[in-house]
Amino acid sequence: MKPAPVQSPIFVMRDTPFGPFAVVWSVRADVPGIDRILIPGPGRPVEATLRAGFPGAASGSCREIDDLAERLEASLSGADVGFPLDTLRLDLCPAFQREVLCADQAIPRGRVSTYGLVATRLGRPGAARAVGTALATNPFPLAIPCHRVIRSDGSLGGFGGGIEMKRALLAREGVEFQDAGHVAPRRFFYSDAAPG
């Protein structure tokens, strides 16, 4: 059977309080899907990342992509919005990363978990570093809220948009801090959940 044709990448850019972000998408088998969400990071403008990673991408959008971009904008402004996973091209991710991203997606707004608890939830205790690596290369930041996963000591850990953006996103979601770099002690999401 001949594979469905893949359209060249297309992107839509939007401005936010944190700077511009880009949604890179394509059409496979007549269905638009998100290939990447590019957020600004320290010393890494979205425009440069877009040109380097997707040199042939053209500007354009459609209803489904506009809807997701509007949700991202609203989320960055502090609104409580959900993101449909069926628009994200999770099939482009390795199997373990897909597991991690789906576990991360389940962490509710206003809650955090740790890299170790996510690993344990996946039935892989001791794989906290692998979970961190999978989240560090999350192609769908914000839609899959990797900013909600922190270190076991309550410190923020890493984030593609930088620590200040991670802290601001968590604060907008109602997460409390004991100081600038640590989440206030409370029960972490997945701390009482059995693996699976």
N, C-alpha and C. Protein backbone atom coordinates (compact mmCIF):
# COMPACT_ATOMS: atom_id res chain seq x y z
N MET A 1 0.84 -1.18 0.00
CA MET A 1 0.00 0.00 0.00
C MET A 1 0.89 1.25 0.00
N LYS A 2 0.56 2.19 -0.81
CA LYS A 2 1.33 3.42 -0.94
C LYS A 2 1.01 4.36 0.24
N PRO A 3 2.07 4.91 0.92
CA PRO A 3 1.79 5.82 2.05
C PRO A 3 1.12 7.11 1.57
N ALA A 4 0.34 7.69 2.48
CA ALA A 4 -0.35 8.95 2.16
C ALA A 4 0.67 10.05 1.94
N PRO A 5 0.43 10.93 0.98
CA PRO A 5 1.38 12.02 0.74
C PRO A 5 1.45 12.96 1.93
N VAL A 6 2.64 13.49 2.16
CA VAL A 6 2.87 14.42 3.25
C VAL A 6 3.12 15.79 2.66
N GLN A 7 2.38 16.77 3.11
CA GLN A 7 2.53 18.14 2.66
C GLN A 7 3.75 18.76 3.33
N SER A 8 4.40 19.69 2.67
CA SER A 8 5.53 20.42 3.27
C SER A 8 5.05 21.15 4.52
N PRO A 9 5.96 21.36 5.48
CA PRO A 9 5.56 22.05 6.72
C PRO A 9 5.03 23.46 6.47
N ILE A 10 4.07 23.81 7.27
CA ILE A 10 3.44 25.14 7.24
C ILE A 10 3.55 25.66 8.68
N PHE A 11 3.55 26.96 8.86
CA PHE A 11 3.61 27.47 10.22
C PHE A 11 2.67 28.65 10.38
N VAL A 12 2.26 28.85 11.62
CA VAL A 12 1.51 30.04 12.01
C VAL A 12 2.22 30.59 13.24
N MET A 13 2.43 31.91 13.26
CA MET A 13 3.08 32.54 14.40
C MET A 13 2.09 33.44 15.12
N ARG A 14 2.25 33.50 16.43
CA ARG A 14 1.42 34.36 17.26
C ARG A 14 2.29 35.04 18.29
N ASP A 15 1.91 36.24 18.70
CA ASP A 15 2.60 36.96 19.76
C ASP A 15 1.91 36.69 21.09
N THR A 16 2.71 36.63 22.15
CA THR A 16 2.19 36.40 23.49
C THR A 16 2.96 37.29 24.46
N PRO A 17 2.54 37.34 25.72
CA PRO A 17 3.31 38.10 26.71
C PRO A 17 4.75 37.60 26.87
N PHE A 18 5.02 36.35 26.47
CA PHE A 18 6.36 35.77 26.58
C PHE A 18 7.16 35.94 25.30
N GLY A 19 6.56 36.48 24.27
CA GLY A 19 7.20 36.58 22.97
C GLY A 19 6.46 35.71 21.97
N PRO A 20 6.90 35.70 20.73
CA PRO A 20 6.19 34.93 19.70
C PRO A 20 6.38 33.42 19.89
N PHE A 21 5.39 32.67 19.45
CA PHE A 21 5.52 31.22 19.35
C PHE A 21 5.07 30.83 17.95
N ALA A 22 5.45 29.65 17.52
CA ALA A 22 5.06 29.16 16.19
C ALA A 22 4.49 27.75 16.32
N VAL A 23 3.47 27.49 15.55
CA VAL A 23 2.91 26.15 15.43
C VAL A 23 3.30 25.68 14.03
N VAL A 24 4.08 24.61 13.97
CA VAL A 24 4.48 24.03 12.69
C VAL A 24 3.58 22.83 12.45
N TRP A 25 2.97 22.80 11.28
CA TRP A 25 2.01 21.74 11.01
C TRP A 25 2.12 21.28 9.57
N SER A 26 1.48 20.16 9.28
CA SER A 26 1.44 19.63 7.93
C SER A 26 0.17 18.82 7.77
N VAL A 27 -0.09 18.44 6.56
CA VAL A 27 -1.29 17.65 6.26
C VAL A 27 -0.85 16.26 5.82
N ARG A 28 -1.40 15.25 6.46
CA ARG A 28 -1.15 13.86 6.08
C ARG A 28 -2.51 13.21 5.88
N ALA A 29 -2.68 12.60 4.73
CA ALA A 29 -3.96 11.95 4.40
C ALA A 29 -5.13 12.92 4.59
N ASP A 30 -4.94 14.16 4.14
CA ASP A 30 -5.96 15.22 4.18
C ASP A 30 -6.33 15.68 5.59
N VAL A 31 -5.51 15.34 6.59
CA VAL A 31 -5.79 15.75 7.97
C VAL A 31 -4.65 16.63 8.47
N PRO A 32 -4.95 17.86 8.92
CA PRO A 32 -3.88 18.70 9.47
C PRO A 32 -3.45 18.20 10.84
N GLY A 33 -2.15 18.22 11.09
CA GLY A 33 -1.62 17.80 12.38
C GLY A 33 -0.43 18.66 12.78
N ILE A 34 -0.26 18.84 14.07
CA ILE A 34 0.82 19.66 14.61
C ILE A 34 2.09 18.82 14.66
N ASP A 35 3.14 19.30 13.98
CA ASP A 35 4.45 18.64 14.01
C ASP A 35 5.29 19.15 15.18
N ARG A 36 5.23 20.44 15.45
CA ARG A 36 6.02 21.05 16.52
C ARG A 36 5.35 22.33 16.99
N ILE A 37 5.56 22.65 18.25
CA ILE A 37 5.22 23.96 18.80
C ILE A 37 6.54 24.56 19.26
N LEU A 38 6.87 25.72 18.72
CA LEU A 38 8.13 26.38 19.04
C LEU A 38 7.84 27.56 19.97
N ILE A 39 8.46 27.54 21.14
CA ILE A 39 8.29 28.64 22.10
C ILE A 39 9.62 29.37 22.24
N PRO A 40 9.57 30.64 22.64
CA PRO A 40 10.83 31.36 22.82
C PRO A 40 11.59 30.81 24.02
N GLY A 41 12.89 30.82 23.91
CA GLY A 41 13.74 30.40 25.02
C GLY A 41 14.88 31.37 25.18
N PRO A 42 15.58 31.28 26.28
CA PRO A 42 16.72 32.19 26.51
C PRO A 42 17.74 32.08 25.37
N GLY A 43 17.97 33.20 24.69
CA GLY A 43 18.94 33.23 23.60
C GLY A 43 18.53 32.44 22.38
N ARG A 44 17.24 32.09 22.29
CA ARG A 44 16.77 31.27 21.18
C ARG A 44 15.46 31.83 20.63
N PRO A 45 15.54 32.81 19.73
CA PRO A 45 14.31 33.35 19.15
C PRO A 45 13.57 32.30 18.32
N VAL A 46 12.27 32.32 18.38
CA VAL A 46 11.45 31.36 17.64
C VAL A 46 11.73 31.44 16.14
N GLU A 47 11.89 32.64 15.63
CA GLU A 47 12.11 32.80 14.18
C GLU A 47 13.36 32.06 13.74
N ALA A 48 14.43 32.13 14.52
CA ALA A 48 15.68 31.45 14.17
C ALA A 48 15.50 29.93 14.24
N THR A 49 14.81 29.45 15.26
CA THR A 49 14.55 28.02 15.39
C THR A 49 13.71 27.52 14.23
N LEU A 50 12.72 28.30 13.84
CA LEU A 50 11.86 27.95 12.72
C LEU A 50 12.66 27.86 11.43
N ARG A 51 13.49 28.87 11.15
CA ARG A 51 14.29 28.86 9.92
C ARG A 51 15.28 27.70 9.90
N ALA A 52 15.89 27.41 11.06
CA ALA A 52 16.89 26.34 11.12
C ALA A 52 16.25 24.96 11.01
N GLY A 53 15.15 24.76 11.69
CA GLY A 53 14.53 23.44 11.73
C GLY A 53 13.58 23.13 10.59
N PHE A 54 13.00 24.17 10.03
CA PHE A 54 12.00 24.01 8.97
C PHE A 54 12.25 25.03 7.87
N PRO A 55 13.39 24.93 7.17
CA PRO A 55 13.78 25.98 6.22
C PRO A 55 12.80 26.20 5.07
N GLY A 56 12.03 25.19 4.69
CA GLY A 56 11.09 25.36 3.59
C GLY A 56 9.67 25.66 4.02
N ALA A 57 9.44 25.86 5.32
CA ALA A 57 8.08 26.06 5.82
C ALA A 57 7.51 27.39 5.32
N ALA A 58 6.24 27.34 4.96
CA ALA A 58 5.53 28.53 4.50
C ALA A 58 4.49 28.92 5.53
N SER A 59 4.16 30.20 5.58
CA SER A 59 3.15 30.70 6.49
C SER A 59 1.76 30.32 5.98
N GLY A 60 0.90 29.85 6.88
CA GLY A 60 -0.46 29.51 6.50
C GLY A 60 -1.19 28.86 7.66
N SER A 61 -2.50 28.75 7.55
CA SER A 61 -3.26 28.15 8.63
C SER A 61 -4.56 27.56 8.09
N CYS A 62 -5.30 26.94 8.99
CA CYS A 62 -6.63 26.41 8.70
C CYS A 62 -7.41 26.44 10.02
N ARG A 63 -8.64 26.06 10.00
CA ARG A 63 -9.50 26.15 11.18
C ARG A 63 -8.94 25.39 12.38
N GLU A 64 -8.51 24.14 12.17
CA GLU A 64 -8.00 23.33 13.28
C GLU A 64 -6.73 23.93 13.90
N ILE A 65 -5.87 24.43 13.04
CA ILE A 65 -4.62 25.00 13.52
C ILE A 65 -4.88 26.34 14.21
N ASP A 66 -5.76 27.15 13.63
CA ASP A 66 -6.12 28.41 14.28
C ASP A 66 -6.70 28.17 15.67
N ASP A 67 -7.52 27.12 15.80
CA ASP A 67 -8.11 26.80 17.10
C ASP A 67 -7.03 26.47 18.12
N LEU A 68 -6.06 25.65 17.73
CA LEU A 68 -4.99 25.30 18.66
C LEU A 68 -4.14 26.52 18.99
N ALA A 69 -3.81 27.35 18.00
CA ALA A 69 -3.01 28.55 18.25
C ALA A 69 -3.74 29.49 19.21
N GLU A 70 -5.06 29.62 19.06
CA GLU A 70 -5.83 30.46 19.97
C GLU A 70 -5.82 29.89 21.39
N ARG A 71 -5.89 28.57 21.51
CA ARG A 71 -5.82 27.93 22.82
C ARG A 71 -4.46 28.19 23.48
N LEU A 72 -3.38 28.09 22.66
CA LEU A 72 -2.05 28.36 23.19
C LEU A 72 -1.93 29.80 23.67
N GLU A 73 -2.44 30.73 22.88
CA GLU A 73 -2.42 32.15 23.29
C GLU A 73 -3.16 32.34 24.60
N ALA A 74 -4.35 31.74 24.70
CA ALA A 74 -5.16 31.87 25.91
C ALA A 74 -4.44 31.26 27.11
N SER A 75 -3.81 30.11 26.91
CA SER A 75 -3.07 29.45 27.98
C SER A 75 -1.93 30.33 28.47
N LEU A 76 -1.20 30.95 27.56
CA LEU A 76 -0.08 31.81 27.94
C LEU A 76 -0.55 33.09 28.62
N SER A 77 -1.83 33.43 28.44
CA SER A 77 -2.39 34.59 29.11
C SER A 77 -3.02 34.22 30.44
N GLY A 78 -2.97 32.92 30.79
CA GLY A 78 -3.46 32.48 32.09
C GLY A 78 -4.78 31.74 32.08
N ALA A 79 -5.41 31.56 30.92
CA ALA A 79 -6.70 30.88 30.86
C ALA A 79 -6.54 29.38 31.04
N ASP A 80 -7.57 28.76 31.58
CA ASP A 80 -7.59 27.31 31.77
C ASP A 80 -8.19 26.68 30.51
N VAL A 81 -7.33 26.18 29.65
CA VAL A 81 -7.79 25.56 28.40
C VAL A 81 -7.17 24.18 28.26
N GLY A 82 -7.88 23.30 27.59
CA GLY A 82 -7.36 21.97 27.31
C GLY A 82 -6.91 21.89 25.86
N PHE A 83 -6.13 20.89 25.57
CA PHE A 83 -5.62 20.71 24.23
C PHE A 83 -5.94 19.30 23.74
N PRO A 84 -6.57 19.18 22.57
CA PRO A 84 -6.87 17.86 22.05
C PRO A 84 -5.61 17.16 21.55
N LEU A 85 -5.33 15.98 22.07
CA LEU A 85 -4.13 15.25 21.67
C LEU A 85 -4.21 14.77 20.23
N ASP A 86 -5.41 14.62 19.70
CA ASP A 86 -5.52 14.07 18.35
C ASP A 86 -4.99 15.01 17.27
N THR A 87 -4.74 16.27 17.60
CA THR A 87 -4.15 17.17 16.60
C THR A 87 -2.62 17.16 16.65
N LEU A 88 -2.04 16.53 17.67
CA LEU A 88 -0.59 16.49 17.84
C LEU A 88 -0.03 15.24 17.19
N ARG A 89 1.04 15.37 16.45
CA ARG A 89 1.66 14.23 15.76
C ARG A 89 2.55 13.45 16.72
N LEU A 90 1.92 12.81 17.71
CA LEU A 90 2.65 12.00 18.67
C LEU A 90 3.35 10.82 18.00
N ASP A 91 2.85 10.42 16.83
CA ASP A 91 3.47 9.30 16.12
C ASP A 91 4.90 9.62 15.66
N LEU A 92 5.28 10.90 15.68
CA LEU A 92 6.64 11.29 15.32
C LEU A 92 7.62 11.09 16.48
N CYS A 93 7.09 10.79 17.67
CA CYS A 93 7.92 10.62 18.87
C CYS A 93 8.23 9.15 19.10
N PRO A 94 9.39 8.84 19.70
CA PRO A 94 9.68 7.45 20.09
C PRO A 94 8.66 6.97 21.13
N ALA A 95 8.52 5.66 21.24
CA ALA A 95 7.49 5.06 22.11
C ALA A 95 7.59 5.52 23.56
N PHE A 96 8.80 5.51 24.14
CA PHE A 96 8.93 5.92 25.54
C PHE A 96 8.53 7.39 25.71
N GLN A 97 8.95 8.24 24.79
CA GLN A 97 8.58 9.65 24.89
C GLN A 97 7.07 9.82 24.80
N ARG A 98 6.40 9.06 23.95
CA ARG A 98 4.93 9.13 23.86
C ARG A 98 4.31 8.78 25.22
N GLU A 99 4.82 7.74 25.87
CA GLU A 99 4.31 7.36 27.19
C GLU A 99 4.47 8.51 28.18
N VAL A 100 5.67 9.10 28.18
CA VAL A 100 5.95 10.20 29.10
C VAL A 100 5.04 11.39 28.81
N LEU A 101 4.89 11.73 27.54
CA LEU A 101 4.06 12.88 27.17
C LEU A 101 2.60 12.66 27.56
N CYS A 102 2.10 11.45 27.39
CA CYS A 102 0.71 11.16 27.77
C CYS A 102 0.54 11.22 29.29
N ALA A 103 1.54 10.73 30.04
CA ALA A 103 1.48 10.83 31.51
C ALA A 103 1.52 12.30 31.93
N ASP A 104 2.35 13.08 31.27
CA ASP A 104 2.46 14.50 31.57
C ASP A 104 1.15 15.23 31.26
N GLN A 105 0.52 14.85 30.18
CA GLN A 105 -0.74 15.49 29.77
C GLN A 105 -1.82 15.33 30.84
N ALA A 106 -1.73 14.26 31.62
CA ALA A 106 -2.74 13.99 32.64
C ALA A 106 -2.57 14.82 33.91
N ILE A 107 -1.45 15.50 34.06
CA ILE A 107 -1.24 16.33 35.25
C ILE A 107 -2.14 17.55 35.15
N PRO A 108 -3.06 17.73 36.08
CA PRO A 108 -4.02 18.83 35.96
C PRO A 108 -3.40 20.20 36.22
N ARG A 109 -4.04 21.19 35.70
CA ARG A 109 -3.66 22.58 35.91
C ARG A 109 -3.62 22.85 37.42
N GLY A 110 -2.60 23.58 37.85
CA GLY A 110 -2.47 23.91 39.25
C GLY A 110 -1.77 22.86 40.08
N ARG A 111 -1.37 21.75 39.46
CA ARG A 111 -0.66 20.67 40.15
C ARG A 111 0.68 20.45 39.47
N VAL A 112 1.59 19.84 40.17
CA VAL A 112 2.89 19.46 39.62
C VAL A 112 3.19 18.02 40.02
N SER A 113 4.10 17.42 39.28
CA SER A 113 4.62 16.11 39.64
C SER A 113 6.13 16.18 39.51
N THR A 114 6.79 15.08 39.78
CA THR A 114 8.24 15.04 39.67
C THR A 114 8.64 14.06 38.57
N TYR A 115 9.87 14.21 38.11
CA TYR A 115 10.39 13.30 37.09
C TYR A 115 10.34 11.86 37.60
N GLY A 116 10.71 11.66 38.88
CA GLY A 116 10.70 10.32 39.45
C GLY A 116 9.31 9.73 39.59
N LEU A 117 8.34 10.56 39.99
CA LEU A 117 6.97 10.05 40.11
C LEU A 117 6.38 9.69 38.76
N VAL A 118 6.69 10.46 37.73
CA VAL A 118 6.22 10.12 36.38
C VAL A 118 6.84 8.79 35.96
N ALA A 119 8.14 8.62 36.23
CA ALA A 119 8.81 7.36 35.87
C ALA A 119 8.16 6.18 36.60
N THR A 120 7.89 6.35 37.89
CA THR A 120 7.24 5.29 38.65
C THR A 120 5.85 5.01 38.12
N ARG A 121 5.12 6.05 37.78
CA ARG A 121 3.78 5.89 37.20
C ARG A 121 3.81 5.04 35.94
N LEU A 122 4.90 5.17 35.17
CA LEU A 122 5.05 4.41 33.93
C LEU A 122 5.60 3.01 34.17
N GLY A 123 5.78 2.66 35.46
CA GLY A 123 6.31 1.34 35.77
C GLY A 123 7.81 1.25 35.57
N ARG A 124 8.49 2.40 35.60
CA ARG A 124 9.94 2.43 35.40
C ARG A 124 10.63 3.22 36.52
N PRO A 125 10.50 2.76 37.77
CA PRO A 125 11.17 3.48 38.85
C PRO A 125 12.67 3.56 38.56
N GLY A 126 13.25 4.66 38.90
CA GLY A 126 14.67 4.86 38.62
C GLY A 126 14.94 5.49 37.26
N ALA A 127 13.91 5.76 36.48
CA ALA A 127 14.09 6.32 35.14
C ALA A 127 13.78 7.82 35.11
N ALA A 128 13.99 8.49 36.25
CA ALA A 128 13.69 9.93 36.32
C ALA A 128 14.48 10.71 35.28
N ARG A 129 15.74 10.38 35.10
CA ARG A 129 16.57 11.10 34.11
C ARG A 129 16.03 10.89 32.70
N ALA A 130 15.60 9.68 32.37
CA ALA A 130 15.03 9.40 31.05
C ALA A 130 13.73 10.19 30.84
N VAL A 131 12.94 10.31 31.90
CA VAL A 131 11.72 11.12 31.82
C VAL A 131 12.09 12.58 31.56
N GLY A 132 13.10 13.07 32.27
CA GLY A 132 13.56 14.44 32.05
C GLY A 132 14.02 14.67 30.64
N THR A 133 14.74 13.72 30.08
CA THR A 133 15.21 13.83 28.69
C THR A 133 14.03 13.83 27.72
N ALA A 134 13.06 12.97 27.96
CA ALA A 134 11.87 12.93 27.09
C ALA A 134 11.11 14.25 27.13
N LEU A 135 11.03 14.86 28.31
CA LEU A 135 10.32 16.14 28.43
C LEU A 135 11.16 17.29 27.89
N ALA A 136 12.48 17.20 27.99
CA ALA A 136 13.35 18.25 27.46
C ALA A 136 13.23 18.37 25.95
N THR A 137 12.84 17.29 25.31
CA THR A 137 12.67 17.30 23.85
C THR A 137 11.20 17.22 23.45
N ASN A 138 10.32 17.61 24.37
CA ASN A 138 8.88 17.64 24.10
C ASN A 138 8.62 18.53 22.88
N PRO A 139 8.10 17.97 21.79
CA PRO A 139 7.85 18.80 20.61
C PRO A 139 6.59 19.66 20.72
N PHE A 140 5.83 19.47 21.80
CA PHE A 140 4.55 20.17 21.93
C PHE A 140 4.41 20.90 23.27
N PRO A 141 5.40 21.74 23.64
CA PRO A 141 5.29 22.43 24.93
C PRO A 141 4.01 23.26 24.99
N LEU A 142 3.49 23.38 26.16
CA LEU A 142 2.24 24.07 26.49
C LEU A 142 1.05 23.17 26.19
N ALA A 143 0.93 22.64 24.99
CA ALA A 143 -0.17 21.71 24.70
C ALA A 143 0.01 20.45 25.54
N ILE A 144 1.23 19.99 25.66
CA ILE A 144 1.59 18.94 26.62
C ILE A 144 2.45 19.65 27.66
N PRO A 145 1.88 19.86 28.85
CA PRO A 145 2.45 20.81 29.83
C PRO A 145 3.67 20.30 30.59
N CYS A 146 4.80 20.17 29.90
CA CYS A 146 6.01 19.68 30.56
C CYS A 146 6.49 20.62 31.66
N HIS A 147 5.98 21.86 31.67
CA HIS A 147 6.35 22.78 32.75
C HIS A 147 5.78 22.33 34.10
N ARG A 148 4.87 21.37 34.11
CA ARG A 148 4.27 20.89 35.36
C ARG A 148 5.07 19.78 36.02
N VAL A 149 6.22 19.43 35.45
CA VAL A 149 7.07 18.40 36.05
C VAL A 149 8.32 19.07 36.59
N ILE A 150 8.60 18.79 37.87
CA ILE A 150 9.72 19.45 38.57
C ILE A 150 10.60 18.39 39.24
N ARG A 151 11.65 18.84 39.88
CA ARG A 151 12.54 17.93 40.61
C ARG A 151 11.90 17.53 41.94
N SER A 152 12.36 16.42 42.48
CA SER A 152 11.78 15.90 43.73
C SER A 152 12.00 16.82 44.92
N ASP A 153 13.01 17.70 44.87
CA ASP A 153 13.25 18.63 45.97
C ASP A 153 12.40 19.91 45.85
N GLY A 154 11.52 19.96 44.85
CA GLY A 154 10.66 21.12 44.66
C GLY A 154 11.26 22.18 43.77
N SER A 155 12.54 22.02 43.38
CA SER A 155 13.13 23.00 42.44
C SER A 155 12.57 22.74 41.05
N LEU A 156 12.63 23.75 40.23
CA LEU A 156 11.91 23.72 38.97
C LEU A 156 12.50 22.79 37.92
N GLY A 157 13.79 22.56 37.91
CA GLY A 157 14.36 21.76 36.83
C GLY A 157 14.42 22.60 35.57
N GLY A 158 14.50 21.96 34.44
CA GLY A 158 14.63 22.69 33.17
C GLY A 158 13.31 22.93 32.47
N PHE A 159 13.40 23.75 31.43
CA PHE A 159 12.25 24.04 30.57
C PHE A 159 12.77 24.78 29.34
N GLY A 160 12.29 24.40 28.17
CA GLY A 160 12.76 25.01 26.92
C GLY A 160 12.56 26.51 26.86
N GLY A 161 11.54 27.01 27.51
CA GLY A 161 11.28 28.44 27.52
C GLY A 161 12.06 29.18 28.59
N GLY A 162 12.84 28.44 29.38
CA GLY A 162 13.63 29.04 30.46
C GLY A 162 12.90 28.93 31.80
N ILE A 163 13.68 29.01 32.86
CA ILE A 163 13.14 28.86 34.22
C ILE A 163 12.13 29.95 34.55
N GLU A 164 12.40 31.20 34.13
CA GLU A 164 11.46 32.29 34.45
C GLU A 164 10.09 32.04 33.81
N MET A 165 10.09 31.54 32.57
CA MET A 165 8.82 31.24 31.92
C MET A 165 8.12 30.08 32.63
N LYS A 166 8.88 29.05 33.01
CA LYS A 166 8.29 27.90 33.72
C LYS A 166 7.64 28.37 35.02
N ARG A 167 8.36 29.17 35.76
CA ARG A 167 7.82 29.68 37.03
C ARG A 167 6.57 30.52 36.79
N ALA A 168 6.59 31.39 35.78
CA ALA A 168 5.44 32.25 35.48
C ALA A 168 4.23 31.41 35.05
N LEU A 169 4.46 30.38 34.24
CA LEU A 169 3.35 29.52 33.81
C LEU A 169 2.73 28.81 35.01
N LEU A 170 3.56 28.27 35.88
CA LEU A 170 3.04 27.58 37.06
C LEU A 170 2.30 28.55 37.98
N ALA A 171 2.84 29.75 38.17
CA ALA A 171 2.18 30.74 39.01
C ALA A 171 0.82 31.11 38.43
N ARG A 172 0.73 31.26 37.12
CA ARG A 172 -0.56 31.60 36.48
C ARG A 172 -1.57 30.48 36.64
N GLU A 173 -1.07 29.26 36.84
CA GLU A 173 -1.97 28.12 37.04
C GLU A 173 -2.34 27.93 38.51
N GLY A 174 -1.78 28.76 39.39
CA GLY A 174 -2.13 28.68 40.80
C GLY A 174 -1.17 27.87 41.66
N VAL A 175 -0.04 27.46 41.10
CA VAL A 175 0.96 26.73 41.88
C VAL A 175 1.65 27.74 42.81
N GLU A 176 1.79 27.38 44.07
CA GLU A 176 2.42 28.27 45.05
C GLU A 176 3.90 27.95 45.19
N PHE A 177 4.67 28.98 45.50
CA PHE A 177 6.11 28.85 45.64
C PHE A 177 6.54 29.22 47.04
N GLN A 178 7.56 28.51 47.56
CA GLN A 178 8.12 28.87 48.86
C GLN A 178 9.22 29.90 48.70
N ASP A 179 9.85 29.93 47.53
CA ASP A 179 10.83 30.95 47.17
C ASP A 179 10.89 30.98 45.64
N ALA A 180 11.74 31.80 45.07
CA ALA A 180 11.76 31.97 43.61
C ALA A 180 12.05 30.69 42.84
N GLY A 181 12.76 29.75 43.45
CA GLY A 181 13.16 28.56 42.71
C GLY A 181 12.54 27.26 43.14
N HIS A 182 11.63 27.29 44.16
CA HIS A 182 11.06 26.05 44.67
C HIS A 182 9.55 26.15 44.82
N VAL A 183 8.88 25.09 44.39
CA VAL A 183 7.44 24.98 44.58
C VAL A 183 7.19 24.72 46.06
N ALA A 184 6.14 25.33 46.61
CA ALA A 184 5.79 25.11 48.01
C ALA A 184 5.47 23.64 48.23
N PRO A 185 5.90 23.10 49.36
CA PRO A 185 5.65 21.67 49.63
C PRO A 185 4.16 21.36 49.66
N ARG A 186 3.79 20.33 48.94
CA ARG A 186 2.44 19.79 48.97
C ARG A 186 2.46 18.45 48.25
N ARG A 187 1.37 17.79 48.24
CA ARG A 187 1.32 16.48 47.61
C ARG A 187 1.47 16.61 46.10
N PHE A 188 2.44 15.86 45.55
CA PHE A 188 2.66 15.86 44.11
C PHE A 188 1.65 14.98 43.41
N PHE A 189 1.28 15.34 42.20
CA PHE A 189 0.42 14.50 41.38
C PHE A 189 1.18 13.20 41.06
N TYR A 190 0.49 12.08 41.12
CA TYR A 190 1.03 10.73 40.95
C TYR A 190 1.66 10.19 42.22
N SER A 191 1.74 10.96 43.30
CA SER A 191 2.39 10.44 44.50
C SER A 191 1.60 9.31 45.15
N ASP A 192 0.29 9.29 44.95
CA ASP A 192 -0.53 8.23 45.53
C ASP A 192 -1.04 7.24 44.50
N ALA A 193 -0.65 7.44 43.25
CA ALA A 193 -1.20 6.60 42.17
C ALA A 193 -0.32 5.37 41.96
N ALA A 194 -0.96 4.28 41.72
CA ALA A 194 -0.24 3.04 41.39
C ALA A 194 0.25 3.12 39.94
N PRO A 195 1.34 2.44 39.62
CA PRO A 195 1.81 2.43 38.23
C PRO A 195 0.74 1.92 37.29
N GLY A 196 0.81 2.39 36.05
CA GLY A 196 -0.12 1.91 35.03
C GLY A 196 -0.68 3.02 34.34
